[in-house]
Amino acid sequence: MAALKMSGLLTGFALSMAVSASALASDLPSRKGAPPVPVAPSITWFDIAVSVKGMTDYNFRGISQTDRKPAIQGGAELQFYDNLVYAGVYASNVDLATSPPAEIDFYAGIRPKFGPVTVDVGVWQYYYPGEKQYIDTAGVYWTPRNTD
């Protein structure tokens, strides 16, 4: 009988050790380390976006600006206060009747965000340096002197 009591006691002791060991194991730190601390969103006060691209034909509203020839374009945009306010310049080669060597565009605007929706309101100025008025052989003016 004493052996049976001793066996039951050892079984109870072993069971209590197993339960307490599992409780202690849950308190151990993870091998992966502590979870990353969330980073508070920050505001980008100033940024610049630069683009360069090439295309087989520069079309604007269905009219080839390069007389169906390739175009190289590029631009730079300054963005302020987390892209809320922006200003930029954009340039492209052109082949128009008024013979400007390039199109240079200046633009600026605001992009307020309302949750998942962004609204873009801005102005754009086209500039064609050195363009000339197109006159045909009969003396008829086909284009204004300045199409900016």
N, C-alpha and C. Protein backbone atom coordinates (compact mmCIF):
# COMPACT_ATOMS: atom_id res chain seq x y z
N MET A 1 0.82 -1.18 0.00
CA MET A 1 0.00 0.00 0.00
C MET A 1 0.87 1.26 0.00
N ALA A 2 1.95 1.19 0.72
CA ALA A 2 2.86 2.32 0.79
C ALA A 2 3.47 2.59 -0.57
N ALA A 3 3.69 1.50 -1.33
CA ALA A 3 4.27 1.67 -2.66
C ALA A 3 3.27 2.34 -3.57
N LEU A 4 1.98 2.03 -3.42
CA LEU A 4 0.93 2.63 -4.24
C LEU A 4 0.80 4.11 -3.92
N LYS A 5 0.88 4.44 -2.61
CA LYS A 5 0.80 5.85 -2.22
C LYS A 5 1.99 6.62 -2.78
N MET A 6 3.17 6.00 -2.70
CA MET A 6 4.37 6.65 -3.19
C MET A 6 4.28 6.85 -4.70
N SER A 7 3.72 5.87 -5.42
CA SER A 7 3.58 5.95 -6.86
C SER A 7 2.61 7.08 -7.21
N GLY A 8 1.50 7.19 -6.50
CA GLY A 8 0.51 8.24 -6.74
C GLY A 8 1.09 9.61 -6.44
N LEU A 9 1.92 9.67 -5.37
CA LEU A 9 2.54 10.93 -5.00
C LEU A 9 3.52 11.39 -6.08
N LEU A 10 4.31 10.45 -6.59
CA LEU A 10 5.26 10.78 -7.64
C LEU A 10 4.53 11.20 -8.91
N THR A 11 3.43 10.54 -9.22
CA THR A 11 2.64 10.90 -10.40
C THR A 11 2.07 12.30 -10.24
N GLY A 12 1.53 12.62 -9.08
CA GLY A 12 0.98 13.94 -8.81
C GLY A 12 2.06 15.02 -8.88
N PHE A 13 3.24 14.71 -8.32
CA PHE A 13 4.35 15.66 -8.36
C PHE A 13 4.79 15.91 -9.81
N ALA A 14 4.91 14.85 -10.57
CA ALA A 14 5.34 14.97 -11.96
C ALA A 14 4.30 15.76 -12.76
N LEU A 15 3.02 15.53 -12.51
CA LEU A 15 1.96 16.25 -13.21
C LEU A 15 1.97 17.73 -12.84
N SER A 16 2.16 18.04 -11.57
CA SER A 16 2.19 19.45 -11.16
C SER A 16 3.41 20.17 -11.74
N MET A 17 4.54 19.48 -11.84
CA MET A 17 5.73 20.08 -12.44
C MET A 17 5.52 20.35 -13.92
N ALA A 18 4.85 19.44 -14.60
CA ALA A 18 4.60 19.63 -16.03
C ALA A 18 3.69 20.83 -16.26
N VAL A 19 2.65 20.97 -15.44
CA VAL A 19 1.72 22.09 -15.58
C VAL A 19 2.42 23.40 -15.28
N SER A 20 3.21 23.45 -14.21
CA SER A 20 3.89 24.70 -13.85
C SER A 20 4.97 25.04 -14.87
N ALA A 21 5.62 24.06 -15.46
CA ALA A 21 6.64 24.32 -16.47
C ALA A 21 6.01 24.91 -17.73
N SER A 22 4.84 24.42 -18.10
CA SER A 22 4.18 24.98 -19.29
C SER A 22 3.71 26.40 -19.02
N ALA A 23 3.32 26.69 -17.81
CA ALA A 23 2.93 28.05 -17.47
C ALA A 23 4.13 28.99 -17.53
N LEU A 24 5.28 28.51 -17.11
CA LEU A 24 6.48 29.33 -17.17
C LEU A 24 6.95 29.52 -18.61
N ALA A 25 6.77 28.52 -19.45
CA ALA A 25 7.21 28.62 -20.84
C ALA A 25 6.43 29.69 -21.59
N SER A 26 5.17 29.91 -21.24
CA SER A 26 4.38 30.93 -21.93
C SER A 26 4.85 32.34 -21.58
N ASP A 27 5.57 32.48 -20.48
CA ASP A 27 6.07 33.79 -20.08
C ASP A 27 7.43 34.11 -20.70
N LEU A 28 8.06 33.13 -21.36
CA LEU A 28 9.37 33.37 -21.96
C LEU A 28 9.24 34.29 -23.16
N PRO A 29 10.27 35.12 -23.42
CA PRO A 29 10.20 35.98 -24.60
C PRO A 29 10.31 35.15 -25.88
N SER A 30 9.75 35.69 -26.96
CA SER A 30 9.79 35.01 -28.25
C SER A 30 11.21 35.01 -28.79
N ARG A 31 11.56 33.98 -29.57
CA ARG A 31 12.87 33.94 -30.19
C ARG A 31 13.03 35.04 -31.24
N LYS A 32 11.91 35.51 -31.78
CA LYS A 32 11.95 36.54 -32.82
C LYS A 32 12.26 37.91 -32.24
N GLY A 33 12.18 38.07 -30.98
CA GLY A 33 12.42 39.37 -30.36
C GLY A 33 11.12 40.10 -30.12
N ALA A 34 11.22 41.27 -29.63
CA ALA A 34 10.04 42.08 -29.34
C ALA A 34 9.39 42.53 -30.65
N PRO A 35 8.08 42.70 -30.64
CA PRO A 35 7.42 43.19 -31.86
C PRO A 35 7.91 44.59 -32.19
N PRO A 36 7.92 44.95 -33.49
CA PRO A 36 8.41 46.28 -33.86
C PRO A 36 7.53 47.38 -33.28
N VAL A 37 8.17 48.43 -32.89
CA VAL A 37 7.45 49.57 -32.35
C VAL A 37 6.80 50.32 -33.51
N PRO A 38 5.50 50.61 -33.44
CA PRO A 38 4.86 51.33 -34.55
C PRO A 38 5.48 52.72 -34.72
N VAL A 39 5.70 53.09 -35.97
CA VAL A 39 6.29 54.38 -36.30
C VAL A 39 5.17 55.37 -36.58
N ALA A 40 5.22 56.49 -35.93
CA ALA A 40 4.21 57.52 -36.16
C ALA A 40 4.40 58.10 -37.55
N PRO A 41 3.30 58.34 -38.30
CA PRO A 41 3.45 58.92 -39.64
C PRO A 41 4.09 60.30 -39.56
N SER A 42 5.00 60.54 -40.47
CA SER A 42 5.67 61.84 -40.48
C SER A 42 5.29 62.60 -41.75
N ILE A 43 5.48 63.87 -41.72
CA ILE A 43 5.16 64.73 -42.87
C ILE A 43 6.46 65.03 -43.61
N THR A 44 6.43 64.83 -44.93
CA THR A 44 7.57 65.18 -45.76
C THR A 44 7.40 66.64 -46.14
N TRP A 45 8.28 67.50 -45.66
CA TRP A 45 8.15 68.93 -45.90
C TRP A 45 8.55 69.33 -47.31
N PHE A 46 9.49 68.58 -47.92
CA PHE A 46 10.00 68.96 -49.22
C PHE A 46 10.43 67.69 -49.94
N ASP A 47 10.06 67.57 -51.21
CA ASP A 47 10.46 66.41 -52.01
C ASP A 47 10.54 66.84 -53.46
N ILE A 48 11.23 66.06 -54.27
CA ILE A 48 11.32 66.35 -55.70
C ILE A 48 11.07 65.05 -56.46
N ALA A 49 10.29 65.15 -57.52
CA ALA A 49 10.03 64.02 -58.41
C ALA A 49 10.60 64.37 -59.78
N VAL A 50 11.38 63.46 -60.36
CA VAL A 50 12.02 63.68 -61.65
C VAL A 50 11.58 62.58 -62.60
N SER A 51 11.31 62.95 -63.87
CA SER A 51 10.90 61.94 -64.85
C SER A 51 11.61 62.19 -66.18
N VAL A 52 11.92 61.11 -66.86
CA VAL A 52 12.48 61.13 -68.21
C VAL A 52 11.81 60.01 -68.97
N LYS A 53 11.34 60.31 -70.17
CA LYS A 53 10.70 59.26 -70.96
C LYS A 53 10.89 59.50 -72.44
N GLY A 54 10.76 58.44 -73.19
CA GLY A 54 10.82 58.51 -74.64
C GLY A 54 9.57 57.86 -75.21
N MET A 55 9.12 58.37 -76.34
CA MET A 55 7.92 57.80 -76.96
C MET A 55 8.06 57.86 -78.48
N THR A 56 7.28 57.04 -79.14
CA THR A 56 7.38 56.96 -80.60
C THR A 56 6.69 58.13 -81.29
N ASP A 57 5.71 58.76 -80.62
CA ASP A 57 4.99 59.91 -81.19
C ASP A 57 4.32 60.66 -80.05
N TYR A 58 4.54 61.96 -79.96
CA TYR A 58 3.93 62.78 -78.92
C TYR A 58 2.61 63.31 -79.45
N ASN A 59 1.50 62.74 -78.98
CA ASN A 59 0.16 63.15 -79.39
C ASN A 59 -0.51 63.91 -78.27
N PHE A 60 -1.16 65.01 -78.62
CA PHE A 60 -1.95 65.78 -77.66
C PHE A 60 -3.31 66.04 -78.30
N ARG A 61 -4.34 65.51 -77.67
CA ARG A 61 -5.71 65.64 -78.18
C ARG A 61 -5.84 65.19 -79.63
N GLY A 62 -5.15 64.09 -79.94
CA GLY A 62 -5.24 63.50 -81.26
C GLY A 62 -4.37 64.13 -82.33
N ILE A 63 -3.56 65.12 -81.98
CA ILE A 63 -2.69 65.79 -82.96
C ILE A 63 -1.24 65.46 -82.62
N SER A 64 -0.49 65.00 -83.60
CA SER A 64 0.92 64.69 -83.38
C SER A 64 1.71 65.98 -83.19
N GLN A 65 2.34 66.13 -82.05
CA GLN A 65 3.16 67.30 -81.75
C GLN A 65 4.56 67.17 -82.33
N THR A 66 4.93 65.96 -82.76
CA THR A 66 6.27 65.71 -83.29
C THR A 66 6.22 65.25 -84.75
N ASP A 67 5.11 65.51 -85.43
CA ASP A 67 4.95 65.11 -86.84
C ASP A 67 5.25 63.63 -87.03
N ARG A 68 4.69 62.82 -86.14
CA ARG A 68 4.82 61.36 -86.15
C ARG A 68 6.26 60.87 -86.00
N LYS A 69 7.07 61.63 -85.29
CA LYS A 69 8.46 61.25 -85.02
C LYS A 69 8.61 61.01 -83.51
N PRO A 70 9.69 60.36 -83.09
CA PRO A 70 9.89 60.11 -81.66
C PRO A 70 10.08 61.40 -80.84
N ALA A 71 9.78 61.30 -79.56
CA ALA A 71 9.93 62.43 -78.65
C ALA A 71 10.68 62.00 -77.40
N ILE A 72 11.49 62.89 -76.88
CA ILE A 72 12.16 62.72 -75.59
C ILE A 72 11.57 63.80 -74.67
N GLN A 73 11.11 63.37 -73.50
CA GLN A 73 10.48 64.30 -72.57
C GLN A 73 11.07 64.13 -71.18
N GLY A 74 11.01 65.20 -70.41
CA GLY A 74 11.50 65.14 -69.04
C GLY A 74 10.94 66.26 -68.21
N GLY A 75 10.99 66.08 -66.91
CA GLY A 75 10.46 67.11 -66.04
C GLY A 75 10.94 66.94 -64.61
N ALA A 76 10.68 67.96 -63.83
CA ALA A 76 10.99 67.95 -62.41
C ALA A 76 9.85 68.65 -61.68
N GLU A 77 9.45 68.06 -60.55
CA GLU A 77 8.34 68.62 -59.78
C GLU A 77 8.76 68.75 -58.33
N LEU A 78 8.66 69.95 -57.78
CA LEU A 78 8.90 70.19 -56.36
C LEU A 78 7.59 70.00 -55.62
N GLN A 79 7.64 69.22 -54.54
CA GLN A 79 6.44 68.95 -53.76
C GLN A 79 6.67 69.42 -52.33
N PHE A 80 5.70 70.12 -51.77
CA PHE A 80 5.82 70.67 -50.44
C PHE A 80 4.72 70.14 -49.54
N TYR A 81 5.02 70.01 -48.25
CA TYR A 81 4.08 69.62 -47.21
C TYR A 81 3.33 68.34 -47.59
N ASP A 82 4.09 67.26 -47.72
CA ASP A 82 3.56 65.93 -47.99
C ASP A 82 2.75 65.89 -49.29
N ASN A 83 3.28 66.54 -50.34
CA ASN A 83 2.69 66.58 -51.68
C ASN A 83 1.36 67.32 -51.71
N LEU A 84 1.13 68.22 -50.79
CA LEU A 84 -0.09 69.03 -50.81
C LEU A 84 0.03 70.15 -51.85
N VAL A 85 1.16 70.82 -51.90
CA VAL A 85 1.40 71.91 -52.84
C VAL A 85 2.56 71.49 -53.75
N TYR A 86 2.44 71.77 -55.05
CA TYR A 86 3.50 71.37 -55.98
C TYR A 86 3.70 72.42 -57.07
N ALA A 87 4.88 72.40 -57.68
CA ALA A 87 5.22 73.25 -58.81
C ALA A 87 6.25 72.51 -59.64
N GLY A 88 6.16 72.64 -60.97
CA GLY A 88 7.09 71.89 -61.79
C GLY A 88 7.32 72.48 -63.16
N VAL A 89 8.25 71.86 -63.86
CA VAL A 89 8.57 72.23 -65.24
C VAL A 89 8.67 70.92 -66.03
N TYR A 90 8.23 70.96 -67.28
CA TYR A 90 8.18 69.79 -68.14
C TYR A 90 8.60 70.22 -69.53
N ALA A 91 9.37 69.42 -70.25
CA ALA A 91 9.84 69.80 -71.58
C ALA A 91 9.77 68.62 -72.53
N SER A 92 9.58 68.94 -73.82
CA SER A 92 9.54 67.92 -74.87
C SER A 92 10.00 68.54 -76.18
N ASN A 93 10.62 67.73 -77.03
CA ASN A 93 10.89 68.21 -78.38
C ASN A 93 9.57 68.18 -79.16
N VAL A 94 9.41 69.10 -80.11
CA VAL A 94 8.21 69.17 -80.94
C VAL A 94 8.61 69.47 -82.39
N ASP A 95 7.69 69.21 -83.30
CA ASP A 95 7.87 69.54 -84.72
C ASP A 95 6.54 70.10 -85.20
N LEU A 96 6.36 71.41 -85.00
CA LEU A 96 5.10 72.08 -85.32
C LEU A 96 5.29 73.05 -86.48
N ALA A 97 4.18 73.50 -87.04
CA ALA A 97 4.21 74.42 -88.18
C ALA A 97 4.84 75.77 -87.80
N THR A 98 4.75 76.15 -86.54
CA THR A 98 5.31 77.43 -86.10
C THR A 98 6.79 77.34 -85.76
N SER A 99 7.40 76.20 -85.94
CA SER A 99 8.84 75.93 -85.80
C SER A 99 9.46 76.21 -84.44
N PRO A 100 8.80 75.93 -83.32
CA PRO A 100 9.51 76.07 -82.05
C PRO A 100 10.43 74.87 -81.86
N PRO A 101 11.58 75.05 -81.23
CA PRO A 101 12.48 73.91 -81.02
C PRO A 101 12.00 72.96 -79.92
N ALA A 102 11.14 73.46 -79.02
CA ALA A 102 10.70 72.63 -77.89
C ALA A 102 9.40 73.18 -77.32
N GLU A 103 8.77 72.36 -76.52
CA GLU A 103 7.63 72.79 -75.71
C GLU A 103 8.09 72.73 -74.27
N ILE A 104 7.96 73.83 -73.55
CA ILE A 104 8.33 73.88 -72.13
C ILE A 104 7.07 74.29 -71.37
N ASP A 105 6.69 73.46 -70.42
CA ASP A 105 5.48 73.69 -69.66
C ASP A 105 5.82 73.99 -68.21
N PHE A 106 5.12 74.97 -67.65
CA PHE A 106 5.25 75.31 -66.24
C PHE A 106 3.90 75.05 -65.59
N TYR A 107 3.91 74.45 -64.41
CA TYR A 107 2.65 74.14 -63.76
C TYR A 107 2.78 74.21 -62.24
N ALA A 108 1.64 74.37 -61.58
CA ALA A 108 1.60 74.42 -60.12
C ALA A 108 0.18 74.10 -59.67
N GLY A 109 0.04 73.68 -58.42
CA GLY A 109 -1.29 73.38 -57.91
C GLY A 109 -1.26 72.85 -56.50
N ILE A 110 -2.42 72.34 -56.08
CA ILE A 110 -2.59 71.72 -54.77
C ILE A 110 -3.25 70.36 -54.96
N ARG A 111 -2.95 69.43 -54.03
CA ARG A 111 -3.53 68.09 -54.04
C ARG A 111 -4.02 67.72 -52.64
N PRO A 112 -5.15 68.26 -52.21
CA PRO A 112 -5.64 67.89 -50.88
C PRO A 112 -6.16 66.45 -50.87
N LYS A 113 -5.98 65.79 -49.73
CA LYS A 113 -6.44 64.41 -49.56
C LYS A 113 -7.60 64.38 -48.58
N PHE A 114 -8.65 63.66 -48.95
CA PHE A 114 -9.81 63.47 -48.10
C PHE A 114 -10.00 61.96 -47.95
N GLY A 115 -9.33 61.38 -46.96
CA GLY A 115 -9.36 59.93 -46.79
C GLY A 115 -8.68 59.27 -47.98
N PRO A 116 -9.38 58.35 -48.67
CA PRO A 116 -8.77 57.67 -49.82
C PRO A 116 -8.84 58.48 -51.12
N VAL A 117 -9.46 59.66 -51.09
CA VAL A 117 -9.67 60.46 -52.30
C VAL A 117 -8.69 61.64 -52.31
N THR A 118 -8.01 61.84 -53.45
CA THR A 118 -7.13 62.99 -53.63
C THR A 118 -7.68 63.86 -54.75
N VAL A 119 -7.77 65.15 -54.52
CA VAL A 119 -8.26 66.11 -55.51
C VAL A 119 -7.06 66.92 -55.98
N ASP A 120 -6.90 67.06 -57.31
CA ASP A 120 -5.78 67.81 -57.88
C ASP A 120 -6.32 69.03 -58.61
N VAL A 121 -5.97 70.23 -58.13
CA VAL A 121 -6.40 71.47 -58.75
C VAL A 121 -5.14 72.26 -59.09
N GLY A 122 -4.96 72.60 -60.37
CA GLY A 122 -3.74 73.29 -60.74
C GLY A 122 -3.87 74.10 -62.02
N VAL A 123 -2.80 74.77 -62.37
CA VAL A 123 -2.73 75.56 -63.61
C VAL A 123 -1.52 75.08 -64.41
N TRP A 124 -1.60 75.23 -65.73
CA TRP A 124 -0.55 74.75 -66.63
C TRP A 124 -0.32 75.80 -67.70
N GLN A 125 0.92 76.19 -67.94
CA GLN A 125 1.26 77.17 -68.97
C GLN A 125 2.18 76.51 -70.00
N TYR A 126 1.74 76.48 -71.26
CA TYR A 126 2.56 75.96 -72.35
C TYR A 126 3.42 77.10 -72.89
N TYR A 127 4.68 76.83 -73.17
CA TYR A 127 5.58 77.84 -73.70
C TYR A 127 6.35 77.22 -74.86
N TYR A 128 6.29 77.85 -76.02
CA TYR A 128 7.00 77.41 -77.22
C TYR A 128 8.02 78.49 -77.58
N PRO A 129 9.27 78.36 -77.13
CA PRO A 129 10.26 79.42 -77.38
C PRO A 129 10.61 79.52 -78.87
N GLY A 130 10.75 80.73 -79.35
CA GLY A 130 11.20 80.97 -80.72
C GLY A 130 10.24 80.58 -81.82
N GLU A 131 8.95 80.45 -81.51
CA GLU A 131 8.03 80.06 -82.59
C GLU A 131 7.71 81.24 -83.50
N LYS A 132 7.36 80.93 -84.73
CA LYS A 132 7.08 81.95 -85.73
C LYS A 132 5.66 81.78 -86.25
N GLN A 133 5.11 82.83 -86.77
CA GLN A 133 3.77 82.77 -87.34
C GLN A 133 3.83 82.07 -88.70
N TYR A 134 2.93 81.13 -88.91
CA TYR A 134 2.91 80.39 -90.17
C TYR A 134 2.06 81.13 -91.20
N ILE A 135 2.67 81.49 -92.34
CA ILE A 135 1.98 82.20 -93.43
C ILE A 135 2.15 81.37 -94.70
N ASP A 136 1.05 81.10 -95.39
CA ASP A 136 1.19 80.33 -96.64
C ASP A 136 1.56 81.27 -97.80
N THR A 137 1.70 80.73 -98.99
CA THR A 137 2.17 81.50 -100.16
C THR A 137 1.18 82.59 -100.58
N ALA A 138 -0.10 82.46 -100.23
CA ALA A 138 -1.09 83.47 -100.60
C ALA A 138 -1.16 84.60 -99.58
N GLY A 139 -0.30 84.55 -98.56
CA GLY A 139 -0.28 85.61 -97.56
C GLY A 139 -1.31 85.42 -96.45
N VAL A 140 -1.87 84.22 -96.33
CA VAL A 140 -2.88 83.93 -95.30
C VAL A 140 -2.16 83.46 -94.03
N TYR A 141 -2.52 84.07 -92.90
CA TYR A 141 -1.97 83.65 -91.61
C TYR A 141 -2.72 82.40 -91.14
N TRP A 142 -2.00 81.30 -90.96
CA TRP A 142 -2.61 80.05 -90.52
C TRP A 142 -2.52 79.86 -89.02
N THR A 143 -1.60 80.50 -88.40
CA THR A 143 -1.44 80.34 -86.95
C THR A 143 -1.23 81.71 -86.31
N PRO A 144 -1.59 81.83 -85.03
CA PRO A 144 -1.24 83.07 -84.35
C PRO A 144 0.27 83.11 -84.12
N ARG A 145 0.79 84.28 -83.86
CA ARG A 145 2.23 84.43 -83.65
C ARG A 145 2.67 83.72 -82.39
N ASN A 146 1.84 83.68 -81.39
CA ASN A 146 2.20 83.09 -80.11
C ASN A 146 1.10 82.13 -79.67
N THR A 147 1.37 80.83 -79.66
CA THR A 147 0.34 79.85 -79.26
C THR A 147 0.50 79.40 -77.81
N ASP A 148 1.32 80.12 -77.03
CA ASP A 148 1.51 79.75 -75.63
C ASP A 148 0.16 79.75 -74.90
